[in-house]
Amino acid sequence: MSVSISRQHWNALLEALEETRRQRHVLTYRALIERLQLPSPAMQTLTAALEHLAAIDARAERPLRSTLVISQGASRLPRTGFFEYALQLGRFSGPPDGMAAASWHSAEIVRVFEYTYPEEDI
């Protein structure tokens, strides 16, 4: 099944992540879905959009903005699929759960906070 995100939702996603980055915060998947008011299948649409953004950032050798989106569970980490995709992009190595993932995620968040993304990418 292929999912796509509207231009309006894509732009809103980029704006939400930039605002979150400037405030040095993170967002949960649920909060982002609600903020963007994504239609069903919302989680699949958001996942596809975040993976697309991660690929764009990886190609440009920038920190992955999708790192700012986390699960609302106790781990405060993205879902396992995020780490698996970061592994495919060559940005992360190790098991997609546990200390290596948590450590890499923390470091990548700091990189995102400190990086200034080009305006055309916001």
Protein backbone atom coordinates (compact mmCIF):
# COMPACT_ATOMS: atom_id res chain seq x y z
CA MET A 1 0.00 0.00 0.00
CA SER A 2 1.37 3.38 -0.97
CA VAL A 3 0.56 6.45 1.07
CA SER A 4 1.24 10.07 0.34
CA ILE A 5 0.96 13.34 2.19
CA SER A 6 -0.62 16.48 0.79
CA ARG A 7 1.58 19.51 0.12
CA GLN A 8 -0.33 21.38 2.85
CA HIS A 9 0.34 18.63 5.40
CA TRP A 10 3.99 18.33 4.28
CA ASN A 11 4.55 22.05 4.79
CA ALA A 12 2.80 21.90 8.16
CA LEU A 13 5.03 18.96 9.14
CA LEU A 14 8.18 20.90 8.26
CA GLU A 15 6.94 23.95 10.16
CA ALA A 16 6.02 21.87 13.22
CA LEU A 17 9.43 20.20 13.28
CA GLU A 18 11.22 23.54 12.85
CA GLU A 19 9.24 25.10 15.70
CA THR A 20 9.97 22.05 17.85
CA ARG A 21 13.68 22.27 16.95
CA ARG A 22 13.86 25.98 17.83
CA GLN A 23 12.15 25.30 21.18
CA ARG A 24 14.53 22.38 21.76
CA HIS A 25 11.68 19.95 22.37
CA VAL A 26 10.44 16.67 20.96
CA LEU A 27 6.96 15.66 19.79
CA THR A 28 5.07 12.40 20.10
CA TYR A 29 3.69 10.72 17.01
CA ARG A 30 0.19 11.21 18.41
CA ALA A 31 0.68 14.92 19.12
CA LEU A 32 2.04 15.46 15.62
CA ILE A 33 -0.84 13.57 13.99
CA GLU A 34 -3.32 15.66 15.98
CA ARG A 35 -1.50 18.92 15.25
CA LEU A 36 -1.39 18.19 11.51
CA GLN A 37 -4.92 16.75 11.52
CA LEU A 38 -3.77 13.94 9.25
CA PRO A 39 -6.54 11.86 7.70
CA SER A 40 -6.59 8.07 7.93
CA PRO A 41 -4.37 6.15 7.69
CA ALA A 42 -2.67 8.84 9.78
CA MET A 43 0.17 6.79 11.30
CA GLN A 44 1.14 5.26 7.96
CA THR A 45 1.05 8.71 6.33
CA LEU A 46 3.17 10.23 9.08
CA THR A 47 5.64 7.34 8.99
CA ALA A 48 6.04 7.62 5.22
CA ALA A 49 6.52 11.40 5.46
CA LEU A 50 9.10 11.10 8.26
CA GLU A 51 11.00 8.44 6.31
CA HIS A 52 10.97 10.65 3.21
CA LEU A 53 12.27 13.58 5.28
CA ALA A 54 14.97 11.37 6.81
CA ALA A 55 16.10 10.35 3.32
CA ILE A 56 16.24 14.01 2.24
CA ASP A 57 18.26 14.95 5.32
CA ALA A 58 20.59 11.96 4.93
CA ARG A 59 21.27 12.78 1.25
CA ALA A 60 22.09 16.37 2.26
CA GLU A 61 24.29 15.06 5.11
CA ARG A 62 22.20 16.88 7.70
CA PRO A 63 20.97 15.69 11.11
CA LEU A 64 17.69 13.78 10.80
CA ARG A 65 14.78 16.03 11.80
CA SER A 66 12.55 12.98 12.11
CA THR A 67 14.56 12.21 15.27
CA LEU A 68 12.38 14.79 17.05
CA VAL A 69 9.31 12.53 16.82
CA ILE A 70 9.08 9.95 19.58
CA SER A 71 6.70 7.39 21.05
CA GLN A 72 4.67 8.42 24.04
CA GLY A 73 5.83 5.35 25.94
CA ALA A 74 8.32 5.37 28.77
CA SER A 75 11.31 4.97 26.45
CA ARG A 76 10.88 8.48 24.95
CA LEU A 77 12.42 7.08 21.77
CA PRO A 78 11.08 6.78 18.23
CA ARG A 79 9.58 3.47 17.21
CA THR A 80 11.90 0.61 16.29
CA GLY A 81 11.17 1.20 12.60
CA PHE A 82 12.83 4.61 12.81
CA PHE A 83 16.12 3.02 13.87
CA GLU A 84 15.78 0.32 11.20
CA TYR A 85 15.31 3.03 8.57
CA ALA A 86 18.25 5.08 9.94
CA LEU A 87 20.30 1.89 9.61
CA GLN A 88 19.23 1.55 5.94
CA LEU A 89 20.28 5.17 5.38
CA GLY A 90 23.69 4.43 6.89
CA ARG A 91 23.14 6.88 9.74
CA PHE A 92 22.89 4.40 12.62
CA SER A 93 24.48 1.06 13.33
CA GLY A 94 23.44 -1.35 16.02
CA PRO A 95 20.31 -3.00 17.32
CA PRO A 96 17.15 -0.88 16.90
CA ASP A 97 16.44 -1.03 20.62
CA GLY A 98 18.53 -0.76 23.74
CA MET A 99 21.38 1.47 24.82
CA ALA A 100 23.03 1.94 21.41
CA ALA A 101 19.78 3.23 19.93
CA ALA A 102 19.08 5.48 22.91
CA SER A 103 22.60 6.90 22.89
CA TRP A 104 22.59 7.58 19.14
CA HIS A 105 19.12 9.14 19.38
CA SER A 106 20.20 11.53 22.15
CA ALA A 107 23.26 12.62 20.18
CA GLU A 108 21.22 13.08 16.99
CA ILE A 109 18.67 15.25 18.81
CA VAL A 110 21.49 17.53 19.96
CA ARG A 111 22.76 17.72 16.36
CA VAL A 112 19.24 18.64 15.14
CA PHE A 113 18.91 21.34 17.82
CA GLU A 114 22.26 22.86 16.85
CA TYR A 115 21.80 22.69 13.06
CA THR A 116 20.21 25.51 11.05
CA TYR A 117 18.20 24.07 8.17
CA PRO A 118 17.91 26.04 4.91
CA GLU A 119 14.70 28.07 4.74
CA GLU A 120 13.50 26.28 1.62
CA ASP A 121 13.51 23.07 3.67
CA ILE A 122 11.29 24.48 6.40
